[in-house]
Every structure is written in C-alpha cells, then in structure tokens.
C-alpha cells in the first residue's frame, strides 16, 4: 500500500518502494541468475554447433601422406572398365637434393646470381654457379624441370623468389649448362 492508497495497474507492485521486506533484492538476484543461466546455455549450444559444423581434422604430422592406390572395376553388359590411380614410387626430392640451374636470359647483369642466392636461402642449395644463356632473350622469369619432377616443379614454383614465374616444359634442345641438372630457372628482362 502506498501513501495514496493501494497500488494498482500494470506496474502497481513495481512502483512501490522497497519496504524492507527484501522483495526488490530477491527480484534483482533472480534476474541475474536467469541471465547467467541463459549465457551458460548459449555457450553450451555454441560449442555443440561448432563440433557439429567443423569437419576439419587437425594434424601435427609433418610426414607427407600418400594417397592410397585404388583400383575400381565397373561391370556392364559384356564390358569391363578398370580405373587405377598410380602413386609415384620414388619420394619427391627435397630442396637440397634438387639440382637447380639459374640462367640469365636477358635480365640485367647479376640478376641470375641474385635469384640463385634467394633460392639457396630457402633450401635449394644444390646449384651450380649462375650463368648467362648467350643469345637468349625473354621477358619475365621461367621455370622448367625435367620429366618426372612435377612435384618438385610445383614446390619450386611456390617459392617467393619465383612468384609470377611462368612454368614451362623442359625444352629440346636443352638450355646450355643444363646437363645433370633437374630444373632450370631463366631470369628474363
């Protein structure tokens, strides 16, 4: 009851001052408890949804995983089709095993040596001295590797020093000084 008479209306009980009965305090603590419960429920639902939606598998292994060899045989009326995936039997060469030659094909003097040094810094250390491809002029940098070195060619082409390099097939006749090398990088203008 208030000084003006009994409380009435929608907010009648709420417009009364706390009379020392603790009703106001109980209402605030109940609201805080409900809020904490809702936050806890939201966290649980969020974790559950992340577990259901996230399908990635984390792996700390640094060993490359080889895809399995598969053979599929499809039978149709009097026709048999066999499909197989072949995994290379030899492991990919590591950067220090890959023999890379850097040639100057029209770039400013010293560009091939600079490119060779950048490749050595990232592990491609098995290189003869950089040289000039006399009479050859090209624009941009090209990368070529001998047949069977596709994995190594991809890895080499992803090095920062070779960003934007054009990857081409190993030419016939081979570039000069390329006897015994696996890949050739030609620095052009």
Protein backbone atom coordinates (compact mmCIF):
# COMPACT_ATOMS: atom_id res chain seq x y z
CA UNK A 1 0.00 0.00 0.00
CA UNK A 2 1.31 3.42 -0.87
CA UNK A 3 0.59 6.80 0.70
CA UNK A 4 -2.07 7.41 -1.96
CA UNK A 5 -3.81 4.13 -1.33
CA UNK A 6 -3.44 0.61 -2.64
CA UNK A 7 -1.13 0.14 -5.66
CA UNK A 8 -2.99 -0.67 -8.82
CA UNK A 9 -2.42 -1.09 -12.53
CA UNK A 10 0.14 -2.93 -14.54
CA UNK A 11 3.13 -1.72 -12.57
CA UNK A 12 1.44 -1.35 -9.25
CA UNK A 13 3.71 -3.71 -7.34
CA UNK A 14 6.80 -2.36 -9.10
CA UNK A 15 6.06 1.26 -8.22
CA UNK A 16 6.15 0.55 -4.51
CA UNK A 17 9.37 1.38 -2.74
CA UNK A 18 11.10 -1.48 -1.03
CA UNK A 19 9.64 -1.64 2.43
CA UNK A 20 12.43 -3.62 3.93
CA UNK A 21 10.84 -6.94 3.08
CA UNK A 22 13.58 -7.76 0.56
CA UNK A 23 11.24 -8.18 -2.37
CA UNK A 24 13.26 -5.84 -4.56
CA UNK A 25 16.55 -7.58 -3.73
CA UNK A 26 15.10 -11.04 -4.43
CA UNK A 27 13.82 -9.83 -7.84
CA UNK A 28 17.26 -8.50 -8.88
CA UNK A 29 19.13 -11.63 -7.84
CA UNK A 30 16.59 -13.85 -9.62
CA UNK A 31 17.04 -11.80 -12.82
CA UNK A 32 20.84 -12.03 -12.56
CA UNK A 33 20.62 -15.80 -12.03
CA UNK A 34 18.36 -16.17 -15.09
CA UNK A 35 20.77 -14.07 -17.19
CA UNK A 36 23.77 -16.17 -16.13
CA UNK A 37 21.81 -19.33 -16.93
CA UNK A 38 21.00 -18.04 -20.43
CA UNK A 39 24.63 -17.15 -21.09
CA UNK A 40 25.74 -20.61 -19.94
CA UNK A 41 23.14 -22.23 -22.19
CA UNK A 42 24.31 -20.11 -25.14
CA UNK A 43 27.92 -21.21 -24.59
CA UNK A 44 26.92 -24.87 -24.48
CA UNK A 45 24.83 -24.54 -27.67
CA UNK A 46 27.70 -22.70 -29.39
CA UNK A 47 30.24 -25.40 -28.53
CA UNK A 48 27.83 -28.09 -29.68
CA UNK A 49 27.23 -26.34 -33.01
CA UNK A 50 30.96 -25.82 -33.60
CA UNK A 51 31.55 -29.52 -33.03
CA UNK A 52 28.80 -30.45 -35.50
CA UNK A 53 29.79 -27.94 -38.21
CA UNK A 54 33.61 -28.04 -38.01
CA UNK A 55 34.69 -31.06 -40.07
CA UNK A 56 38.39 -30.22 -40.36
CA UNK A 57 40.93 -32.63 -38.98
CA UNK A 58 43.99 -31.13 -37.39
CA UNK A 59 47.24 -32.95 -37.92
CA UNK A 60 50.61 -32.17 -36.42
CA UNK A 61 52.41 -34.70 -38.57
CA UNK A 62 54.99 -33.34 -40.97
CA UNK A 63 55.25 -36.61 -42.87
CA UNK A 64 53.55 -36.33 -46.27
CA UNK A 65 50.56 -38.60 -46.59
CA UNK A 66 50.48 -40.65 -49.76
CA UNK A 67 47.05 -41.22 -51.29
CA UNK A 68 46.15 -44.90 -51.39
CA UNK A 69 46.39 -46.88 -54.58
CA UNK A 70 42.90 -47.62 -55.80
CA UNK A 71 41.55 -49.93 -58.42
CA UNK A 72 37.91 -49.85 -59.44
CA UNK A 73 36.29 -52.32 -61.75
CA UNK A 74 32.92 -51.46 -63.24
CA UNK A 75 30.88 -54.26 -64.79
CA UNK A 76 28.41 -53.54 -67.53
CA UNK A 77 26.91 -55.85 -70.05
CA UNK A 78 29.95 -57.59 -71.52
CA UNK A 79 32.18 -54.55 -70.85
CA UNK A 80 34.74 -54.18 -68.08
CA UNK A 81 36.34 -50.84 -67.28
CA UNK A 82 39.28 -50.65 -64.90
CA UNK A 83 40.44 -47.40 -63.32
CA UNK A 84 43.56 -47.14 -61.23
CA UNK A 85 45.46 -44.35 -59.55
CA UNK A 86 49.22 -44.68 -59.59
CA UNK A 87 51.28 -43.12 -56.84
CA UNK A 88 54.89 -42.33 -57.80
CA UNK A 89 57.14 -44.97 -56.27
CA UNK A 90 60.05 -42.63 -55.56
CA UNK A 91 59.65 -39.95 -52.90
CA UNK A 92 59.85 -36.34 -54.01
CA UNK A 93 63.31 -34.79 -53.94
CA UNK A 94 63.88 -32.36 -51.10
CA UNK A 95 65.02 -28.81 -51.95
CA UNK A 96 68.62 -29.62 -51.04
CA UNK A 97 68.56 -32.69 -53.32
CA UNK A 98 67.05 -30.90 -56.33
CA UNK A 99 69.76 -29.66 -58.69
CA UNK A 100 68.68 -26.20 -59.94
CA UNK A 101 70.50 -24.09 -62.53
CA UNK A 102 69.75 -20.36 -62.81
CA UNK A 103 70.47 -18.71 -66.17
CA UNK A 104 70.33 -15.09 -67.26
CA UNK A 105 68.11 -14.77 -70.31
CA UNK A 106 68.14 -11.03 -70.87
CA UNK A 107 67.86 -9.71 -67.31
CA UNK A 108 70.27 -7.07 -66.01
CA UNK A 109 73.75 -8.31 -65.12
CA UNK A 110 73.76 -10.08 -61.75
CA UNK A 111 70.04 -10.90 -61.76
CA UNK A 112 70.64 -14.65 -62.16
CA UNK A 113 73.21 -14.68 -59.34
CA UNK A 114 70.80 -12.77 -57.10
CA UNK A 115 67.99 -15.22 -57.87
CA UNK A 116 70.32 -18.16 -57.19
CA UNK A 117 71.19 -16.68 -53.77
CA UNK A 118 67.49 -16.24 -52.90
CA UNK A 119 66.80 -19.88 -53.77
CA UNK A 120 69.78 -21.02 -51.69
CA UNK A 121 68.37 -19.13 -48.67
CA UNK A 122 65.17 -21.22 -48.83
CA UNK A 123 67.00 -24.55 -49.06
CA UNK A 124 67.76 -25.03 -52.78
CA UNK A 125 71.48 -25.39 -52.12
CA UNK A 126 72.41 -27.96 -54.78
CA UNK A 127 73.15 -25.45 -57.55
CA UNK A 128 75.98 -24.83 -59.97
CA UNK A 129 77.06 -21.23 -60.47
CA UNK A 130 74.57 -19.00 -62.26
CA UNK A 131 75.43 -18.36 -65.88
CA UNK A 132 74.27 -16.47 -68.96
CA UNK A 133 72.28 -18.09 -71.76
CA UNK A 134 74.15 -16.36 -74.57
CA UNK A 135 71.89 -15.15 -77.38
CA UNK A 136 68.67 -15.91 -75.47
CA UNK A 137 66.35 -13.04 -74.56
CA UNK A 138 62.99 -13.36 -72.88
CA UNK A 139 60.68 -11.26 -70.78
CA UNK A 140 59.91 -12.46 -67.26
CA UNK A 141 61.18 -15.49 -65.41
CA UNK A 142 60.53 -19.08 -66.49
CA UNK A 143 60.90 -22.37 -64.65
CA UNK A 144 61.38 -25.73 -66.36
CA UNK A 145 62.02 -29.17 -64.86
CA UNK A 146 62.81 -32.47 -66.48
CA UNK A 147 60.08 -35.09 -66.96
CA UNK A 148 59.03 -36.91 -63.79
CA UNK A 149 59.77 -33.99 -61.48
CA UNK A 150 56.27 -32.50 -61.39
CA UNK A 151 56.03 -32.45 -57.58
CA UNK A 152 59.40 -30.74 -57.31
CA UNK A 153 58.44 -28.24 -60.02
CA UNK A 154 55.30 -27.27 -58.10
CA UNK A 155 57.23 -26.85 -54.84
CA UNK A 156 59.93 -24.78 -56.54
CA UNK A 157 57.40 -22.56 -58.33
CA UNK A 158 55.80 -21.64 -54.98
CA UNK A 159 58.96 -20.02 -53.63
CA UNK A 160 58.78 -16.26 -53.08
CA UNK A 161 61.77 -15.68 -55.37
CA UNK A 162 59.82 -17.27 -58.24
CA UNK A 163 56.46 -15.54 -57.70
CA UNK A 164 54.97 -14.84 -61.11
CA UNK A 165 57.39 -17.14 -62.94
CA UNK A 166 55.98 -18.94 -65.97
CA UNK A 167 56.20 -22.72 -65.64
CA UNK A 168 57.05 -24.38 -68.97
CA UNK A 169 58.02 -27.83 -70.23
CA UNK A 170 61.70 -28.70 -70.43
CA UNK A 171 62.74 -27.75 -73.98
CA UNK A 172 64.51 -29.74 -76.65
CA UNK A 173 67.31 -28.91 -77.21
CA UNK A 174 68.07 -28.38 -73.54
CA UNK A 175 69.36 -25.00 -72.30
CA UNK A 176 73.15 -24.60 -72.09
CA UNK A 177 74.96 -25.89 -68.98
CA UNK A 178 71.88 -27.99 -68.05
CA UNK A 179 73.49 -31.43 -68.30
CA UNK A 180 72.97 -33.17 -64.96
CA UNK A 181 70.52 -30.62 -63.53
CA UNK A 182 66.90 -31.28 -62.62
CA UNK A 183 65.41 -27.83 -63.14
CA UNK A 184 66.40 -24.62 -64.90
CA UNK A 185 65.26 -21.12 -63.95
CA UNK A 186 65.75 -18.43 -66.60
CA UNK A 187 65.69 -14.79 -65.45
CA UNK A 188 64.49 -12.52 -68.24
CA UNK A 189 64.07 -8.78 -68.58
